[in-house]
Protein backbone atom coordinates (compact mmCIF):
# COMPACT_ATOMS: atom_id res chain seq x y z
CA UNK A 1 26.31 138.88 91.96
CA UNK A 2 25.23 141.07 94.86
CA UNK A 3 21.87 141.19 96.60
CA UNK A 4 20.13 144.57 96.80
CA UNK A 5 16.98 145.62 98.65
CA UNK A 6 15.35 148.76 97.27
CA UNK A 7 12.85 150.29 99.67
CA UNK A 8 10.60 152.92 98.12
CA UNK A 9 9.68 152.78 94.44
CA UNK A 10 9.37 156.36 93.29
CA UNK A 11 11.20 157.38 90.12
CA UNK A 12 14.59 157.30 91.82
CA UNK A 13 14.10 153.96 93.58
CA UNK A 14 12.53 152.29 90.55
CA UNK A 15 15.38 153.45 88.33
CA UNK A 16 17.98 151.99 90.71
CA UNK A 17 16.07 148.71 91.08
CA UNK A 18 15.56 148.06 87.38
CA UNK A 19 19.11 149.09 86.47
CA UNK A 20 20.67 146.78 89.06
CA UNK A 21 18.46 143.90 87.91
CA UNK A 22 19.39 144.52 84.27
CA UNK A 23 23.04 144.32 85.35
CA UNK A 24 22.42 140.80 86.62
CA UNK A 25 22.04 141.40 90.36
CA UNK A 26 19.46 139.96 92.73
CA UNK A 27 16.99 142.77 93.54
CA UNK A 28 14.19 142.86 96.10
CA UNK A 29 11.80 145.81 95.67
CA UNK A 30 9.62 146.89 98.61
CA UNK A 31 6.85 149.50 98.65
CA UNK A 32 3.54 150.05 100.40
CA UNK A 33 1.83 150.90 97.11
CA UNK A 34 0.39 147.83 95.37
CA UNK A 35 0.38 149.57 91.99
CA UNK A 36 4.08 150.34 92.24
CA UNK A 37 4.79 146.69 93.05
CA UNK A 38 2.75 145.48 90.08
CA UNK A 39 4.50 147.88 87.72
CA UNK A 40 8.00 146.73 88.70
CA UNK A 41 7.41 143.03 89.40
CA UNK A 42 8.60 141.91 85.95
CA UNK A 43 11.80 143.97 86.17
CA UNK A 44 13.24 142.80 89.52
CA UNK A 45 13.90 139.45 91.19
CA UNK A 46 11.21 139.86 93.86
CA UNK A 47 8.67 142.61 94.54
CA UNK A 48 6.89 142.80 97.88
CA UNK A 49 4.06 145.06 99.00
CA UNK A 50 4.87 145.83 102.63
CA UNK A 51 5.42 148.54 105.22
CA UNK A 52 9.18 148.67 105.70
CA UNK A 53 8.83 150.69 108.92
CA UNK A 54 7.65 147.46 110.54
CA UNK A 55 10.64 145.58 111.96
CA UNK A 56 8.90 142.21 111.65
CA UNK A 57 8.37 142.83 107.93
CA UNK A 58 12.06 143.47 107.34
CA UNK A 59 12.93 140.35 109.31
CA UNK A 60 10.43 138.32 107.29
CA UNK A 61 11.98 139.31 103.95
CA UNK A 62 15.43 138.44 105.29
CA UNK A 63 16.82 141.96 105.07
CA UNK A 64 19.93 140.95 107.02
CA UNK A 65 20.97 138.72 104.10
CA UNK A 66 21.24 141.60 101.64
CA UNK A 67 24.57 143.19 100.79
CA UNK A 68 23.03 146.62 100.25
CA UNK A 69 19.78 148.32 101.22
CA UNK A 70 18.76 151.47 99.34
CA UNK A 71 16.21 153.57 101.22
CA UNK A 72 14.51 155.91 98.75
CA UNK A 73 11.31 156.65 100.65
CA UNK A 74 9.85 159.93 99.40
CA UNK A 75 9.05 162.98 101.47
CA UNK A 76 8.26 160.99 104.62
CA UNK A 77 11.42 161.83 106.55
CA UNK A 78 10.29 159.98 109.68
CA UNK A 79 9.81 156.74 107.73
CA UNK A 80 13.13 157.22 105.95
CA UNK A 81 14.98 157.57 109.25
CA UNK A 82 13.20 154.62 110.87
CA UNK A 83 13.78 152.27 107.92
CA UNK A 84 17.45 153.23 107.71
CA UNK A 85 17.87 152.61 111.44
CA UNK A 86 16.12 149.23 111.26
CA UNK A 87 18.22 148.10 108.29
CA UNK A 88 21.43 148.86 110.17
CA UNK A 89 20.21 147.28 113.41
CA UNK A 90 19.14 144.14 111.54
CA UNK A 91 22.61 143.70 110.08
CA UNK A 92 22.59 145.10 106.54
CA UNK A 93 26.24 145.71 105.67
CA UNK A 94 25.76 148.86 103.57
CA UNK A 95 22.82 151.24 103.61
CA UNK A 96 22.42 154.06 101.10
CA UNK A 97 19.63 156.52 101.84
CA UNK A 98 18.02 159.36 99.92
CA UNK A 99 17.81 162.69 101.76
CA UNK A 100 15.49 165.64 101.27
CA UNK A 101 17.82 168.24 102.77
CA UNK A 102 21.06 168.68 104.73
CA UNK A 103 19.41 168.24 108.13
CA UNK A 104 17.79 165.00 106.96
CA UNK A 105 21.20 163.83 105.73
CA UNK A 106 22.85 164.60 109.07
CA UNK A 107 20.26 162.53 110.90
CA UNK A 108 20.68 159.62 108.46
CA UNK A 109 24.44 159.63 108.96
CA UNK A 110 24.02 159.85 112.74
CA UNK A 111 21.90 156.69 112.82
CA UNK A 112 24.36 154.73 110.69
CA UNK A 113 23.68 155.33 106.98
CA UNK A 114 26.84 154.52 105.03
CA UNK A 115 26.03 156.86 102.14
CA UNK A 116 23.44 159.63 101.70
CA UNK A 117 22.48 160.99 98.29
CA UNK A 118 20.57 164.02 97.05
CA UNK A 119 19.22 162.85 93.66
CA UNK A 120 18.32 166.32 92.36
CA UNK A 121 21.63 167.89 93.41
CA UNK A 122 23.69 164.93 92.21
CA UNK A 123 21.93 165.02 88.83
CA UNK A 124 22.74 168.71 88.61
CA UNK A 125 26.43 167.94 89.08
CA UNK A 126 26.30 165.34 86.31
CA UNK A 127 24.47 167.64 83.90
CA UNK A 128 26.95 170.46 84.55
CA UNK A 129 29.92 168.22 83.74
CA UNK A 130 28.20 166.84 80.65
CA UNK A 131 27.57 170.37 79.40
CA UNK A 132 31.19 171.37 79.90
CA UNK A 133 32.79 168.29 78.33
CA UNK A 134 31.28 166.26 75.50
CA UNK A 135 33.54 163.34 76.45
CA UNK A 136 32.13 162.98 79.97
CA UNK A 137 29.25 160.52 79.87
CA UNK A 138 28.60 160.24 83.60
CA UNK A 139 29.95 161.91 86.72
CA UNK A 140 29.30 160.55 90.20
CA UNK A 141 30.52 162.56 93.18
CA UNK A 142 31.46 160.09 95.92
CA UNK A 143 32.23 162.81 98.46
CA UNK A 144 33.47 166.43 98.35
CA UNK A 145 36.92 165.25 97.24
CA UNK A 146 36.53 162.14 95.08
CA UNK A 147 34.45 161.23 92.04
CA UNK A 148 33.93 158.45 89.50
CA UNK A 149 33.75 159.43 85.83
CA UNK A 150 32.85 157.60 82.63
CA UNK A 151 34.79 159.16 79.76
CA UNK A 152 34.74 158.30 76.07
CA UNK A 153 38.10 157.15 74.74
CA UNK A 154 39.78 160.14 73.11
CA UNK A 155 41.79 159.71 69.88
CA UNK A 156 45.04 160.07 71.80
CA UNK A 157 44.26 156.88 73.77
CA UNK A 158 43.05 154.64 70.94
CA UNK A 159 45.35 151.73 70.15
CA UNK A 160 47.40 152.15 73.30
CA UNK A 161 47.62 150.02 76.42
CA UNK A 162 46.91 151.31 79.91
CA UNK A 163 50.60 150.90 80.67
CA UNK A 164 51.51 153.18 77.77
CA UNK A 165 48.92 155.77 78.75
CA UNK A 166 49.90 155.64 82.44
CA UNK A 167 46.87 157.73 83.47
CA UNK A 168 47.72 157.34 87.14
CA UNK A 169 51.07 159.08 86.78
CA UNK A 170 49.94 161.63 84.19
CA UNK A 171 46.63 162.62 85.73
CA UNK A 172 46.45 160.99 89.16
CA UNK A 173 43.39 158.86 88.30
CA UNK A 174 42.92 155.10 88.55
CA UNK A 175 41.14 153.09 85.85
CA UNK A 176 38.36 151.00 87.42
CA UNK A 177 36.91 149.46 84.27
CA UNK A 178 36.72 149.62 80.50
CA UNK A 179 33.29 149.40 78.87
CA UNK A 180 34.11 147.91 75.49
CA UNK A 181 32.34 148.71 72.24
CA UNK A 182 30.95 145.16 72.00
CA UNK A 183 29.09 145.64 75.29
CA UNK A 184 31.48 143.71 77.52
CA UNK A 185 32.90 145.32 80.65
CA UNK A 186 36.49 144.70 81.68
CA UNK A 187 36.57 145.06 85.46
CA UNK A 188 39.93 146.01 87.04
CA UNK A 189 41.85 145.99 83.73
CA UNK A 190 45.59 145.37 83.69
CA UNK A 191 48.45 147.29 82.14
CA UNK A 192 48.38 145.28 78.92
CA UNK A 193 44.70 145.96 78.23
CA UNK A 194 44.17 148.15 75.18
CA UNK A 195 41.86 151.10 74.58
CA UNK A 196 39.88 150.93 71.34
CA UNK A 197 37.70 153.39 69.50
CA UNK A 198 34.27 153.88 71.15
CA UNK A 199 35.46 152.29 74.41
CA UNK A 200 34.36 154.01 77.62
CA UNK A 201 36.92 154.32 80.41
CA UNK A 202 35.70 154.44 84.02
CA UNK A 203 38.13 156.25 86.32
CA UNK A 204 38.22 157.31 89.95
CA UNK A 205 40.25 160.15 91.40
CA UNK A 206 40.22 163.45 93.23
CA UNK A 207 37.94 166.10 91.75
CA UNK A 208 41.02 168.21 91.01
CA UNK A 209 42.71 165.44 89.03
CA UNK A 210 39.49 164.57 87.20
CA UNK A 211 39.08 168.22 86.21
CA UNK A 212 42.57 168.10 84.67
CA UNK A 213 41.67 164.91 82.79
CA UNK A 214 38.43 166.47 81.52
CA UNK A 215 40.29 169.52 80.22
CA UNK A 216 42.92 167.36 78.52
CA UNK A 217 40.25 165.23 76.88
CA UNK A 218 38.34 168.26 75.64
CA UNK A 219 41.49 169.90 74.29
CA UNK A 220 42.48 166.76 72.40
CA UNK A 221 39.10 166.59 70.67
CA UNK A 222 39.32 170.22 69.56
CA UNK A 223 42.71 169.69 67.91
């Protein structure tokens, strides 16, 4: 179980916070808005009304003890930059920050952000891939070259082991996990693990290799 601090509880931040908590992680939610804190308090581990641009506040909540800080402050770019900087200076291992534009992203990376996301753009990428391939359930672009994809098990895979399918050799992708039909998730599955109907396979690879896998999956469904 990891510890996450989510700073800023707009739609994006709240969605991340509640999803991580539902997955069983320890989540601290921070926002200046008392109403936002009240709304989310039952869906996270701890919810604190505070100004995260204040260094003493971040120290008081023990921000240095968190594995990940997610800075999703809205349109206040100055606050976003300051909070990101403070989180890194106070020892947070990994800081993901939301950016409004490319210049904002450059500044965030310059001051030490480990990952910068553009929620609207990233969602557009996911929607585009979902429109193209009915098998693609989610598509997360890690950087311009690599992505993570959740893909429904195609008929060709059902009843076969990962060793038999050999997706790494055939398509250049690595299987990170199998979301099984009973709700369990097999993390880092081995060669003997089987793919069953309605399983979801989570793979990582270059965008080029994933495109090939998408096309193969779509072609197999049409047959």
